[in-house]
């Protein structure tokens, strides 16, 4: 049966195993953790230096990487009034990357761009 084992209990089992050199059977009787889990915990600790595996990144990889984002940024610097469809066409023609309009929009938003185009500074009236 699968159950959650708290971090504190894992640390205790690991400390008893590595520092106090207790047998797996003795650790099982103290903590209630199965012998197989104790062995797996020890192996994971030796491989990672931590009690569990830490994912390299969360979620799905981005369709447009940093280099593609810089390309879009350069396109906008050259032509500030470019539409998303134009950026999509340039990505496909120049970089050979097919990206949807929402993907391009999200990438630009992460880069700090908004939908508004600033044409000139606002003049305050007195």
PDB file of N, CA and C in Angstrom:
ATOM      1  N   UNK A   1       0.837  -1.182   0.000  1.00  0.00           N
ATOM      2  CA  UNK A   1       0.000   0.000   0.000  1.00  0.00           C
ATOM      3  C   UNK A   1       0.881   1.244   0.000  1.00  0.00           C
ATOM      4  N   UNK A   2       0.514   2.211  -0.805  1.00  0.00           N
ATOM      5  CA  UNK A   2       1.286   3.436  -0.941  1.00  0.00           C
ATOM      6  C   UNK A   2       0.782   4.471   0.052  1.00  0.00           C
ATOM      7  N   UNK A   3       1.716   5.156   0.721  1.00  0.00           N
ATOM      8  CA  UNK A   3       1.338   6.224   1.644  1.00  0.00           C
ATOM      9  C   UNK A   3       2.405   7.298   1.611  1.00  0.00           C
ATOM     10  N   UNK A   4       2.019   8.492   2.038  1.00  0.00           N
ATOM     11  CA  UNK A   4       2.971   9.600   2.067  1.00  0.00           C
ATOM     12  C   UNK A   4       3.887   9.462   3.277  1.00  0.00           C
ATOM     13  N   UNK A   5       5.173   9.658   3.055  1.00  0.00           N
ATOM     14  CA  UNK A   5       6.150   9.628   4.141  1.00  0.00           C
ATOM     15  C   UNK A   5       6.682  11.046   4.286  1.00  0.00           C
ATOM     16  N   UNK A   6       6.532  11.615   5.468  1.00  0.00           N
ATOM     17  CA  UNK A   6       6.942  12.999   5.681  1.00  0.00           C
ATOM     18  C   UNK A   6       8.452  13.154   5.513  1.00  0.00           C
ATOM     19  N   UNK A   7       8.853  14.372   5.212  1.00  0.00           N
ATOM     20  CA  UNK A   7      10.275  14.672   5.039  1.00  0.00           C
ATOM     21  C   UNK A   7      11.049  14.402   6.322  1.00  0.00           C
ATOM     22  N   UNK A   8      10.457  14.727   7.469  1.00  0.00           N
ATOM     23  CA  UNK A   8      11.123  14.508   8.756  1.00  0.00           C
ATOM     24  C   UNK A   8      11.391  13.021   8.996  1.00  0.00           C
ATOM     25  N   UNK A   9      10.411  12.182   8.644  1.00  0.00           N
ATOM     26  CA  UNK A   9      10.580  10.735   8.830  1.00  0.00           C
ATOM     27  C   UNK A   9      11.643  10.189   7.874  1.00  0.00           C
ATOM     28  N   UNK A  10      11.681  10.724   6.652  1.00  0.00           N
ATOM     29  CA  UNK A  10      12.718  10.311   5.698  1.00  0.00           C
ATOM     30  C   UNK A  10      14.100  10.708   6.216  1.00  0.00           C
ATOM     31  N   UNK A  11      14.208  11.940   6.745  1.00  0.00           N
ATOM     32  CA  UNK A  11      15.490  12.396   7.296  1.00  0.00           C
ATOM     33  C   UNK A  11      15.927  11.520   8.455  1.00  0.00           C
ATOM     34  N   UNK A  12      14.976  11.148   9.311  1.00  0.00           N
ATOM     35  CA  UNK A  12      15.295  10.276  10.445  1.00  0.00           C
ATOM     36  C   UNK A  12      15.811   8.924   9.963  1.00  0.00           C
ATOM     37  N   UNK A  13      15.111   8.337   9.007  1.00  0.00           N
ATOM     38  CA  UNK A  13      15.526   7.033   8.478  1.00  0.00           C
ATOM     39  C   UNK A  13      16.910   7.119   7.836  1.00  0.00           C
ATOM     40  N   UNK A  14      17.161   8.180   7.114  1.00  0.00           N
ATOM     41  CA  UNK A  14      18.453   8.357   6.460  1.00  0.00           C
ATOM     42  C   UNK A  14      19.563   8.561   7.487  1.00  0.00           C
ATOM     43  N   UNK A  15      19.274   9.343   8.513  1.00  0.00           N
ATOM     44  CA  UNK A  15      20.270   9.589   9.563  1.00  0.00           C
ATOM     45  C   UNK A  15      20.587   8.294  10.323  1.00  0.00           C
ATOM     46  N   UNK A  16      19.557   7.514  10.612  1.00  0.00           N
ATOM     47  CA  UNK A  16      19.782   6.235  11.301  1.00  0.00           C
ATOM     48  C   UNK A  16      20.596   5.281  10.429  1.00  0.00           C
ATOM     49  N   UNK A  17      20.355   5.332   9.137  1.00  0.00           N
ATOM     50  CA  UNK A  17      21.043   4.427   8.226  1.00  0.00           C
ATOM     51  C   UNK A  17      22.495   4.839   7.987  1.00  0.00           C
ATOM     52  N   UNK A  18      22.718   6.115   7.660  1.00  0.00           N
ATOM     53  CA  UNK A  18      24.056   6.552   7.268  1.00  0.00           C
ATOM     54  C   UNK A  18      24.954   6.928   8.443  1.00  0.00           C
ATOM     55  N   UNK A  19      24.404   7.615   9.426  1.00  0.00           N
ATOM     56  CA  UNK A  19      25.239   8.096  10.538  1.00  0.00           C
ATOM     57  C   UNK A  19      25.357   7.094  11.685  1.00  0.00           C
ATOM     58  N   UNK A  20      24.239   6.451  12.003  1.00  0.00           N
ATOM     59  CA  UNK A  20      24.246   5.512  13.138  1.00  0.00           C
ATOM     60  C   UNK A  20      24.436   4.063  12.700  1.00  0.00           C
ATOM     61  N   UNK A  21      24.495   3.847  11.397  1.00  0.00           N
ATOM     62  CA  UNK A  21      24.764   2.511  10.821  1.00  0.00           C
ATOM     63  C   UNK A  21      23.806   1.438  11.332  1.00  0.00           C
ATOM     64  N   UNK A  22      22.534   1.817  11.484  1.00  0.00           N
ATOM     65  CA  UNK A  22      21.544   0.830  11.912  1.00  0.00           C
ATOM     66  C   UNK A  22      21.132  -0.029  10.731  1.00  0.00           C
ATOM     67  N   UNK A  23      20.691  -1.224  11.010  1.00  0.00           N
ATOM     68  CA  UNK A  23      20.237  -2.119   9.942  1.00  0.00           C
ATOM     69  C   UNK A  23      18.882  -1.640   9.426  1.00  0.00           C
ATOM     70  N   UNK A  24      18.571  -2.035   8.207  1.00  0.00           N
ATOM     71  CA  UNK A  24      17.300  -1.649   7.610  1.00  0.00           C
ATOM     72  C   UNK A  24      16.123  -2.211   8.403  1.00  0.00           C
ATOM     73  N   UNK A  25      16.305  -3.409   8.955  1.00  0.00           N
ATOM     74  CA  UNK A  25      15.249  -4.025   9.749  1.00  0.00           C
ATOM     75  C   UNK A  25      14.956  -3.212  11.014  1.00  0.00           C
ATOM     76  N   UNK A  26      16.019  -2.728  11.661  1.00  0.00           N
ATOM     77  CA  UNK A  26      15.849  -1.927  12.871  1.00  0.00           C
ATOM     78  C   UNK A  26      15.193  -0.585  12.541  1.00  0.00           C
ATOM     79  N   UNK A  27      15.582   0.010  11.414  1.00  0.00           N
ATOM     80  CA  UNK A  27      14.983   1.278  10.997  1.00  0.00           C
ATOM     81  C   UNK A  27      13.505   1.081  10.694  1.00  0.00           C
ATOM     82  N   UNK A  28      13.171  -0.051  10.068  1.00  0.00           N
ATOM     83  CA  UNK A  28      11.771  -0.350   9.760  1.00  0.00           C
ATOM     84  C   UNK A  28      10.953  -0.453  11.039  1.00  0.00           C
ATOM     85  N   UNK A  29      11.506  -1.093  12.049  1.00  0.00           N
ATOM     86  CA  UNK A  29      10.752  -1.248  13.298  1.00  0.00           C
ATOM     87  C   UNK A  29      10.567   0.098  14.015  1.00  0.00           C
ATOM     88  N   UNK A  30      11.509   1.026  13.860  1.00  0.00           N
ATOM     89  CA  UNK A  30      11.395   2.339  14.511  1.00  0.00           C
ATOM     90  C   UNK A  30      10.475   3.271  13.731  1.00  0.00           C
ATOM     91  N   UNK A  31      10.652   3.327  12.403  1.00  0.00           N
ATOM     92  CA  UNK A  31       9.933   4.318  11.598  1.00  0.00           C
ATOM     93  C   UNK A  31       8.679   3.784  10.912  1.00  0.00           C
ATOM     94  N   UNK A  32       8.619   2.492  10.664  1.00  0.00           N
ATOM     95  CA  UNK A  32       7.492   1.930   9.934  1.00  0.00           C
ATOM     96  C   UNK A  32       7.655   2.016   8.429  1.00  0.00           C
ATOM     97  N   UNK A  33       8.813   2.469   7.974  1.00  0.00           N
ATOM     98  CA  UNK A  33       9.093   2.572   6.535  1.00  0.00           C
ATOM     99  C   UNK A  33       9.605   1.218   6.055  1.00  0.00           C
ATOM    100  N   UNK A  34       9.130   0.772   4.904  1.00  0.00           N
ATOM    101  CA  UNK A  34       9.535  -0.535   4.395  1.00  0.00           C
ATOM    102  C   UNK A  34      11.028  -0.554   4.054  1.00  0.00           C
ATOM    103  N   UNK A  35      11.586  -1.748   4.055  1.00  0.00           N
ATOM    104  CA  UNK A  35      13.013  -1.918   3.763  1.00  0.00           C
ATOM    105  C   UNK A  35      13.323  -1.450   2.338  1.00  0.00           C
ATOM    106  N   UNK A  36      12.434  -1.760   1.401  1.00  0.00           N
ATOM    107  CA  UNK A  36      12.638  -1.334   0.006  1.00  0.00           C
ATOM    108  C   UNK A  36      12.681   0.193  -0.091  1.00  0.00           C
ATOM    109  N   UNK A  37      11.813   0.883   0.633  1.00  0.00           N
ATOM    110  CA  UNK A  37      11.787   2.350   0.605  1.00  0.00           C
ATOM    111  C   UNK A  37      13.050   2.927   1.233  1.00  0.00           C
ATOM    112  N   UNK A  38      13.535   2.301   2.288  1.00  0.00           N
ATOM    113  CA  UNK A  38      14.773   2.755   2.934  1.00  0.00           C
ATOM    114  C   UNK A  38      15.940   2.637   1.962  1.00  0.00           C
ATOM    115  N   UNK A  39      16.012   1.526   1.238  1.00  0.00           N
ATOM    116  CA  UNK A  39      17.087   1.337   0.255  1.00  0.00           C
ATOM    117  C   UNK A  39      16.973   2.359  -0.868  1.00  0.00           C
ATOM    118  N   UNK A  40      15.750   2.598  -1.345  1.00  0.00           N
ATOM    119  CA  UNK A  40      15.535   3.573  -2.409  1.00  0.00           C
ATOM    120  C   UNK A  40      15.878   4.983  -1.929  1.00  0.00           C
ATOM    121  N   UNK A  41      15.535   5.299  -0.697  1.00  0.00           N
ATOM    122  CA  UNK A  41      15.840   6.602  -0.119  1.00  0.00           C
ATOM    123  C   UNK A  41      17.351   6.818  -0.029  1.00  0.00           C
ATOM    124  N   UNK A  42      18.068   5.797   0.405  1.00  0.00           N
ATOM    125  CA  UNK A  42      19.528   5.871   0.500  1.00  0.00           C
ATOM    126  C   UNK A  42      20.160   6.040  -0.883  1.00  0.00           C
ATOM    127  N   UNK A  43      19.654   5.316  -1.866  1.00  0.00           N
ATOM    128  CA  UNK A  43      20.173   5.404  -3.224  1.00  0.00           C
ATOM    129  C   UNK A  43      19.917   6.795  -3.819  1.00  0.00           C
ATOM    130  N   UNK A  44      18.732   7.310  -3.624  1.00  0.00           N
ATOM    131  CA  UNK A  44      18.398   8.644  -4.127  1.00  0.00           C
ATOM    132  C   UNK A  44      19.285   9.697  -3.478  1.00  0.00           C
ATOM    133  N   UNK A  45      19.530   9.559  -2.183  1.00  0.00           N
ATOM    134  CA  UNK A  45      20.374  10.522  -1.481  1.00  0.00           C
ATOM    135  C   UNK A  45      21.807  10.484  -2.017  1.00  0.00           C
ATOM    136  N   UNK A  46      22.313   9.310  -2.295  1.00  0.00           N
ATOM    137  CA  UNK A  46      23.680   9.198  -2.831  1.00  0.00           C
ATOM    138  C   UNK A  46      23.779   9.781  -4.241  1.00  0.00           C
ATOM    139  N   UNK A  47      22.700   9.669  -5.029  1.00  0.00           N
ATOM    140  CA  UNK A  47      22.727  10.165  -6.404  1.00  0.00           C
ATOM    141  C   UNK A  47      22.476  11.673  -6.495  1.00  0.00           C
ATOM    142  N   UNK A  48      21.610  12.197  -5.635  1.00  0.00           N
ATOM    143  CA  UNK A  48      21.211  13.597  -5.766  1.00  0.00           C
ATOM    144  C   UNK A  48      21.690  14.490  -4.628  1.00  0.00           C
ATOM    145  N   UNK A  49      22.016  13.899  -3.485  1.00  0.00           N
ATOM    146  CA  UNK A  49      22.381  14.706  -2.326  1.00  0.00           C
ATOM    147  C   UNK A  49      21.166  15.246  -1.599  1.00  0.00           C
ATOM    148  N   UNK A  50      19.981  14.800  -1.988  1.00  0.00           N
ATOM    149  CA  UNK A  50      18.739  15.236  -1.359  1.00  0.00           C
ATOM    150  C   UNK A  50      17.833  14.022  -1.163  1.00  0.00           C
ATOM    151  N   UNK A  51      16.717  14.245  -0.487  1.00  0.00           N
ATOM    152  CA  UNK A  51      15.811  13.134  -0.193  1.00  0.00           C
ATOM    153  C   UNK A  51      14.937  12.743  -1.373  1.00  0.00           C
ATOM    154  N   UNK A  52      14.811  13.611  -2.347  1.00  0.00           N
ATOM    155  CA  UNK A  52      13.962  13.309  -3.491  1.00  0.00           C
ATOM    156  C   UNK A  52      14.529  13.883  -4.757  1.00  0.00           C
ATOM    157  N   UNK A  53      13.921  13.515  -5.861  1.00  0.00           N
ATOM    158  CA  UNK A  53      14.333  14.011  -7.159  1.00  0.00           C
ATOM    159  C   UNK A  53      13.723  15.376  -7.374  1.00  0.00           C
ATOM    160  N   UNK A  54      14.524  16.305  -7.874  1.00  0.00           N
ATOM    161  CA  UNK A  54      14.058  17.642  -8.185  1.00  0.00           C
ATOM    162  C   UNK A  54      13.982  17.756  -9.701  1.00  0.00           C
ATOM    163  N   UNK A  55      12.796  18.054 -10.244  1.00  0.00           N
ATOM    164  CA  UNK A  55      12.688  18.152 -11.704  1.00  0.00           C
ATOM    165  C   UNK A  55      13.518  19.305 -12.248  1.00  0.00           C
ATOM    166  N   UNK A  56      14.088  19.096 -13.427  1.00  0.00           N
ATOM    167  CA  UNK A  56      14.909  20.120 -14.058  1.00  0.00           C
ATOM    168  C   UNK A  56      14.056  21.333 -14.397  1.00  0.00           C
ATOM    169  N   UNK A  57      12.886  21.110 -14.954  1.00  0.00           N
ATOM    170  CA  UNK A  57      11.956  22.196 -15.239  1.00  0.00           C
ATOM    171  C   UNK A  57      10.539  21.666 -15.102  1.00  0.00           C
ATOM    172  N   UNK A  58       9.660  22.568 -14.779  1.00  0.00           N
ATOM    173  CA  UNK A  58       8.267  22.177 -14.629  1.00  0.00           C
ATOM    174  C   UNK A  58       7.527  22.383 -15.930  1.00  0.00           C
ATOM    175  N   UNK A  59       6.670  21.468 -16.250  1.00  0.00           N
ATOM    176  CA  UNK A  59       5.806  21.632 -17.405  1.00  0.00           C
ATOM    177  C   UNK A  59       6.456  21.333 -18.738  1.00  0.00           C
ATOM    178  N   UNK A  60       5.735  21.710 -19.733  1.00  0.00           N
ATOM    179  CA  UNK A  60       6.136  21.453 -21.109  1.00  0.00           C
ATOM    180  C   UNK A  60       7.179  22.481 -21.571  1.00  0.00           C
ATOM    181  N   UNK A  61       8.148  22.080 -22.387  1.00  0.00           N
ATOM    182  CA  UNK A  61       9.124  23.057 -22.886  1.00  0.00           C
ATOM    183  C   UNK A  61       8.454  24.097 -23.777  1.00  0.00           C
ATOM    184  N   UNK A  62       8.974  25.287 -23.773  1.00  0.00           N
ATOM    185  CA  UNK A  62       8.402  26.381 -24.552  1.00  0.00           C
ATOM    186  C   UNK A  62       8.620  26.155 -26.049  1.00  0.00           C
ATOM    187  N   UNK A  63       7.641  26.581 -26.827  1.00  0.00           N
ATOM    188  CA  UNK A  63       7.741  26.447 -28.282  1.00  0.00           C
ATOM    189  C   UNK A  63       8.787  27.409 -28.839  1.00  0.00           C
ATOM    190  N   UNK A  64       8.898  28.586 -28.229  1.00  0.00           N
ATOM    191  CA  UNK A  64       9.892  29.580 -28.659  1.00  0.00           C
ATOM    192  C   UNK A  64      10.906  29.769 -27.540  1.00  0.00           C
ATOM    193  N   UNK A  65      12.177  29.525 -27.835  1.00  0.00           N
ATOM    194  CA  UNK A  65      13.215  29.662 -26.819  1.00  0.00           C
ATOM    195  C   UNK A  65      13.705  31.106 -26.736  1.00  0.00           C
ATOM    196  N   UNK A  66      14.739  31.340 -25.967  1.00  0.00           N
ATOM    197  CA  UNK A  66      15.263  32.680 -25.757  1.00  0.00           C
ATOM    198  C   UNK A  66      15.769  33.335 -27.037  1.00  0.00           C
ATOM    199  N   UNK A  67      16.384  32.544 -27.900  1.00  0.00           N
ATOM    200  CA  UNK A  67      16.898  33.076 -29.159  1.00  0.00           C
ATOM    201  C   UNK A  67      15.749  33.540 -30.063  1.00  0.00           C
ATOM    202  N   UNK A  68      14.669  32.760 -30.077  1.00  0.00           N
ATOM    203  CA  UNK A  68      13.498  33.140 -30.870  1.00  0.00           C
ATOM    204  C   UNK A  68      12.858  34.404 -30.307  1.00  0.00           C
ATOM    205  N   UNK A  69      12.833  34.515 -28.989  1.00  0.00           N
ATOM    206  CA  UNK A  69      12.272  35.717 -28.354  1.00  0.00           C
ATOM    207  C   UNK A  69      13.102  36.947 -28.716  1.00  0.00           C
ATOM    208  N   UNK A  70      14.423  36.776 -28.750  1.00  0.00           N
ATOM    209  CA  UNK A  70      15.303  37.896 -29.137  1.00  0.00           C
ATOM    210  C   UNK A  70      15.070  38.284 -30.610  1.00  0.00           C
ATOM    211  N   UNK A  71      14.821  37.285 -31.459  1.00  0.00           N
ATOM    212  CA  UNK A  71      14.512  37.561 -32.862  1.00  0.00           C
ATOM    213  C   UNK A  71      13.245  38.402 -32.971  1.00  0.00           C
ATOM    214  N   UNK A  72      12.190  38.015 -32.233  1.00  0.00           N
ATOM    215  CA  UNK A  72      10.941  38.775 -32.246  1.00  0.00           C
ATOM    216  C   UNK A  72      11.158  40.196 -31.727  1.00  0.00           C
ATOM    217  N   UNK A  73      11.979  40.298 -30.691  1.00  0.00           N
ATOM    218  CA  UNK A  73      12.297  41.604 -30.127  1.00  0.00           C
ATOM    219  C   UNK A  73      12.977  42.495 -31.179  1.00  0.00           C
ATOM    220  N   UNK A  74      13.917  41.927 -31.917  1.00  0.00           N
ATOM    221  CA  UNK A  74      14.597  42.671 -32.974  1.00  0.00           C
ATOM    222  C   UNK A  74      13.645  43.092 -34.080  1.00  0.00           C
ATOM    223  N   UNK A  75      12.706  42.218 -34.424  1.00  0.00           N
ATOM    224  CA  UNK A  75      11.707  42.559 -35.447  1.00  0.00           C
ATOM    225  C   UNK A  75      10.860  43.741 -34.997  1.00  0.00           C
ATOM    226  N   UNK A  76      10.496  43.756 -33.727  1.00  0.00           N
ATOM    227  CA  UNK A  76       9.668  44.844 -33.211  1.00  0.00           C
ATOM    228  C   UNK A  76      10.466  46.137 -33.128  1.00  0.00           C
ATOM    229  N   UNK A  77      11.754  46.031 -32.806  1.00  0.00           N
ATOM    230  CA  UNK A  77      12.586  47.233 -32.778  1.00  0.00           C
ATOM    231  C   UNK A  77      12.698  47.847 -34.176  1.00  0.00           C
ATOM    232  N   UNK A  78      12.796  47.014 -35.206  1.00  0.00           N
ATOM    233  CA  UNK A  78      12.886  47.501 -36.583  1.00  0.00           C
ATOM    234  C   UNK A  78      11.544  48.023 -37.087  1.00  0.00           C
ATOM    235  N   UNK A  79      10.462  47.337 -36.681  1.00  0.00           N
ATOM    236  CA  UNK A  79       9.126  47.738 -37.151  1.00  0.00           C
ATOM    237  C   UNK A  79       8.158  47.658 -35.963  1.00  0.00           C
ATOM    238  N   UNK A  80       8.043  48.743 -35.195  1.00  0.00           N
ATOM    239  CA  UNK A  80       7.226  48.731 -33.980  1.00  0.00           C
ATOM    240  C   UNK A  80       5.738  48.480 -34.205  1.00  0.00           C
ATOM    241  N   UNK A  81       5.234  48.747 -35.404  1.00  0.00           N
ATOM    242  CA  UNK A  81       3.809  48.553 -35.653  1.00  0.00           C
ATOM    243  C   UNK A  81       3.507  47.197 -36.308  1.00  0.00           C
ATOM    244  N   UNK A  82       4.424  46.259 -36.210  1.00  0.00           N
ATOM    245  CA  UNK A  82       4.234  44.938 -36.817  1.00  0.00           C
ATOM    246  C   UNK A  82       3.094  44.197 -36.118  1.00  0.00           C
ATOM    247  N   UNK A  83       2.280  43.565 -36.920  1.00  0.00           N
ATOM    248  CA  UNK A  83       1.168  42.769 -36.404  1.00  0.00           C
ATOM    249  C   UNK A  83       1.679  41.365 -36.046  1.00  0.00           C
ATOM    250  N   UNK A  84       0.929  40.680 -35.201  1.00  0.00           N
ATOM    251  CA  UNK A  84       1.324  39.325 -34.804  1.00  0.00           C
ATOM    252  C   UNK A  84       1.417  38.396 -36.015  1.00  0.00           C
ATOM    253  N   UNK A  85       0.516  38.565 -36.967  1.00  0.00           N
ATOM    254  CA  UNK A  85       0.540  37.717 -38.168  1.00  0.00           C
ATOM    255  C   UNK A  85       1.831  37.934 -38.958  1.00  0.00           C
ATOM    256  N   UNK A  86       2.303  39.184 -39.003  1.00  0.00           N
ATOM    257  CA  UNK A  86       3.566  39.470 -39.697  1.00  0.00           C
ATOM    258  C   UNK A  86       4.737  38.819 -38.970  1.00  0.00           C
ATOM    259  N   UNK A  87       4.727  38.910 -37.643  1.00  0.00           N
ATOM    260  CA  UNK A  87       5.794  38.266 -36.862  1.00  0.00           C
ATOM    261  C   UNK A  87       5.775  36.759 -37.076  1.00  0.00           C
ATOM    262  N   UNK A  88       4.580  36.202 -37.147  1.00  0.00           N
ATOM    263  CA  UNK A  88       4.441  34.761 -37.391  1.00  0.00           C
ATOM    264  C   UNK A  88       5.036  34.386 -38.746  1.00  0.00           C
ATOM    265  N   UNK A  89       4.774  35.203 -39.755  1.00  0.00           N
ATOM    266  CA  UNK A  89       5.307  34.953 -41.098  1.00  0.00           C
ATOM    267  C   UNK A  89       6.829  35.039 -41.096  1.00  0.00           C
ATOM    268  N   UNK A  90       7.375  36.051 -40.432  1.00  0.00           N
ATOM    269  CA  UNK A  90       8.828  36.210 -40.374  1.00  0.00           C
ATOM    270  C   UNK A  90       9.489  35.047 -39.646  1.00  0.00           C
ATOM    271  N   UNK A  91       8.853  34.600 -38.570  1.00  0.00           N
ATOM    272  CA  UNK A  91       9.400  33.443 -37.847  1.00  0.00           C
ATOM    273  C   UNK A  91       9.472  32.224 -38.757  1.00  0.00           C
ATOM    274  N   UNK A  92       8.429  32.031 -39.543  1.00  0.00           N
ATOM    275  CA  UNK A  92       8.394  30.873 -40.427  1.00  0.00           C
ATOM    276  C   UNK A  92       9.391  31.014 -41.579  1.00  0.00           C
ATOM    277  N   UNK A  93       9.453  32.194 -42.194  1.00  0.00           N
ATOM    278  CA  UNK A  93      10.323  32.388 -43.359  1.00  0.00           C
ATOM    279  C   UNK A  93      11.803  32.447 -42.989  1.00  0.00           C
ATOM    280  N   UNK A  94      12.123  33.143 -41.903  1.00  0.00           N
ATOM    281  CA  UNK A  94      13.532  33.370 -41.563  1.00  0.00           C
ATOM    282  C   UNK A  94      14.086  32.280 -40.645  1.00  0.00           C
ATOM    283  N   UNK A  95      13.317  31.930 -39.614  1.00  0.00           N
ATOM    284  CA  UNK A  95      13.818  30.963 -38.615  1.00  0.00           C
ATOM    285  C   UNK A  95      13.297  29.549 -38.845  1.00  0.00           C
ATOM    286  N   UNK A  96      12.374  29.389 -39.783  1.00  0.00           N
ATOM    287  CA  UNK A  96      11.753  28.092 -40.051  1.00  0.00           C
ATOM    288  C   UNK A  96      11.080  27.518 -38.803  1.00  0.00           C
ATOM    289  N   UNK A  97      10.387  28.407 -38.065  1.00  0.00           N
ATOM    290  CA  UNK A  97       9.673  28.001 -36.854  1.00  0.00           C
ATOM    291  C   UNK A  97       8.212  28.359 -37.032  1.00  0.00           C
ATOM    292  N   UNK A  98       7.364  27.357 -36.866  1.00  0.00           N
ATOM    293  CA  UNK A  98       5.931  27.588 -36.979  1.00  0.00           C
ATOM    294  C   UNK A  98       5.366  27.735 -35.567  1.00  0.00           C
ATOM    295  N   UNK A  99       4.835  28.917 -35.270  1.00  0.00           N
ATOM    296  CA  UNK A  99       4.282  29.199 -33.950  1.00  0.00           C
ATOM    297  C   UNK A  99       2.916  29.838 -34.105  1.00  0.00           C
ATOM    298  N   UNK A 100       2.024  29.532 -33.185  1.00  0.00           N
ATOM    299  CA  UNK A 100       0.689  30.115 -33.240  1.00  0.00           C
ATOM    300  C   UNK A 100       0.736  31.569 -32.775  1.00  0.00           C
ATOM    301  N   UNK A 101      -0.311  32.306 -33.117  1.00  0.00           N
ATOM    302  CA  UNK A 101      -0.389  33.707 -32.708  1.00  0.00           C
ATOM    303  C   UNK A 101      -0.419  33.855 -31.179  1.00  0.00           C
ATOM    304  N   UNK A 102      -1.180  33.028 -30.444  1.00  0.00           N
ATOM    305  CA  UNK A 102      -1.139  33.143 -28.984  1.00  0.00           C
ATOM    306  C   UNK A 102       0.243  32.846 -28.388  1.00  0.00           C
ATOM    307  N   UNK A 103       0.984  31.927 -29.001  1.00  0.00           N
ATOM    308  CA  UNK A 103       2.338  31.626 -28.522  1.00  0.00           C
ATOM    309  C   UNK A 103       3.246  32.836 -28.693  1.00  0.00           C
ATOM    310  N   UNK A 104       3.137  33.485 -29.834  1.00  0.00           N
ATOM    311  CA  UNK A 104       3.947  34.681 -30.087  1.00  0.00           C
ATOM    312  C   UNK A 104       3.552  35.784 -29.112  1.00  0.00           C
ATOM    313  N   UNK A 105       2.255  35.935 -28.897  1.00  0.00           N
ATOM    314  CA  UNK A 105       1.775  36.974 -27.981  1.00  0.00           C
ATOM    315  C   UNK A 105       2.270  36.726 -26.554  1.00  0.00           C
ATOM    316  N   UNK A 106       2.203  35.492 -26.089  1.00  0.00           N
ATOM    317  CA  UNK A 106       2.683  35.160 -24.729  1.00  0.00           C
ATOM    318  C   UNK A 106       4.188  35.378 -24.609  1.00  0.00           C
ATOM    319  N   UNK A 107       4.936  35.018 -25.652  1.00  0.00           N
ATOM    320  CA  UNK A 107       6.383  35.209 -25.633  1.00  0.00           C
ATOM    321  C   UNK A 107       6.729  36.691 -25.526  1.00  0.00           C
ATOM    322  N   UNK A 108       6.033  37.507 -26.291  1.00  0.00           N
ATOM    323  CA  UNK A 108       6.281  38.948 -26.237  1.00  0.00           C
ATOM    324  C   UNK A 108       5.877  39.529 -24.883  1.00  0.00           C
ATOM    325  N   UNK A 109       4.809  39.010 -24.318  1.00  0.00           N
ATOM    326  CA  UNK A 109       4.374  39.486 -22.999  1.00  0.00           C
ATOM    327  C   UNK A 109       5.431  39.162 -21.941  1.00  0.00           C
ATOM    328  N   UNK A 110       6.025  37.962 -22.029  1.00  0.00           N
ATOM    329  CA  UNK A 110       7.095  37.594 -21.089  1.00  0.00           C
ATOM    330  C   UNK A 110       8.313  38.488 -21.266  1.00  0.00           C
ATOM    331  N   UNK A 111       8.518  38.987 -22.493  1.00  0.00           N
ATOM    332  CA  UNK A 111       9.641  39.879 -22.772  1.00  0.00           C
ATOM    333  C   UNK A 111       9.352  41.314 -22.337  1.00  0.00           C
ATOM    334  N   UNK A 112       8.130  41.580 -21.888  1.00  0.00           N
ATOM    335  CA  UNK A 112       7.782  42.900 -21.386  1.00  0.00           C
ATOM    336  C   UNK A 112       7.054  43.785 -22.383  1.00  0.00           C
ATOM    337  N   UNK A 113       6.682  43.251 -23.534  1.00  0.00           N
ATOM    338  CA  UNK A 113       5.960  44.039 -24.529  1.00  0.00           C
ATOM    339  C   UNK A 113       4.474  44.032 -24.230  1.00  0.00           C
ATOM    340  N   UNK A 114       3.820  45.140 -24.556  1.00  0.00           N
ATOM    341  CA  UNK A 114       2.371  45.222 -24.428  1.00  0.00           C
ATOM    342  C   UNK A 114       1.792  45.394 -25.823  1.00  0.00           C
ATOM    343  N   UNK A 115       0.478  45.441 -25.908  1.00  0.00           N
ATOM    344  CA  UNK A 115      -0.164  45.602 -27.211  1.00  0.00           C
ATOM    345  C   UNK A 115      -0.125  47.054 -27.682  1.00  0.00           C
ATOM    346  N   UNK A 116       0.088  47.973 -26.765  1.00  0.00           N
ATOM    347  CA  UNK A 116       0.064  49.389 -27.122  1.00  0.00           C
ATOM    348  C   UNK A 116       1.367  49.787 -27.797  1.00  0.00           C
ATOM    349  N   UNK A 117       1.255  50.611 -28.822  1.00  0.00           N
ATOM    350  CA  UNK A 117       2.430  51.128 -29.500  1.00  0.00           C
ATOM    351  C   UNK A 117       2.562  52.604 -29.138  1.00  0.00           C
ATOM    352  N   UNK A 118       3.691  52.998 -28.610  1.00  0.00           N
ATOM    353  CA  UNK A 118       3.923  54.376 -28.236  1.00  0.00           C
ATOM    354  C   UNK A 118       4.487  55.103 -29.450  1.00  0.00           C
ATOM    355  N   UNK A 119       3.758  56.120 -29.911  1.00  0.00           N
ATOM    356  CA  UNK A 119       4.220  56.855 -31.087  1.00  0.00           C
ATOM    357  C   UNK A 119       5.019  58.083 -30.696  1.00  0.00           C
ATOM    358  N   UNK A 120       4.593  58.765 -29.657  1.00  0.00           N
ATOM    359  CA  UNK A 120       5.323  59.942 -29.178  1.00  0.00           C
ATOM    360  C   UNK A 120       4.965  60.173 -27.723  1.00  0.00           C
ATOM    361  N   UNK A 121       5.815  60.866 -26.988  1.00  0.00           N
ATOM    362  CA  UNK A 121       5.511  61.122 -25.586  1.00  0.00           C
ATOM    363  C   UNK A 121       4.271  62.000 -25.441  1.00  0.00           C
ATOM    364  N   UNK A 122       3.509  61.729 -24.401  1.00  0.00           N
ATOM    365  CA  UNK A 122       2.301  62.487 -24.136  1.00  0.00           C
ATOM    366  C   UNK A 122       2.670  63.890 -23.651  1.00  0.00           C
ATOM    367  N   UNK A 123       2.014  64.896 -24.190  1.00  0.00           N
ATOM    368  CA  UNK A 123       2.253  66.276 -23.799  1.00  0.00           C
ATOM    369  C   UNK A 123       1.160  66.680 -22.818  1.00  0.00           C
ATOM    370  N   UNK A 124       1.582  67.160 -21.665  1.00  0.00           N
ATOM    371  CA  UNK A 124       0.612  67.578 -20.651  1.00  0.00           C
ATOM    372  C   UNK A 124       0.140  68.997 -20.938  1.00  0.00           C
ATOM    373  N   UNK A 125      -1.137  69.178 -20.812  1.00  0.00           N
ATOM    374  CA  UNK A 125      -1.709  70.507 -20.992  1.00  0.00           C
ATOM    375  C   UNK A 125      -1.810  71.185 -19.645  1.00  0.00           C
ATOM    376  N   UNK A 126      -1.627  72.500 -19.635  1.00  0.00           N
ATOM    377  CA  UNK A 126      -1.714  73.253 -18.378  1.00  0.00           C
ATOM    378  C   UNK A 126      -3.037  73.924 -18.219  1.00  0.00           C
TER     379      UNK A 126
END
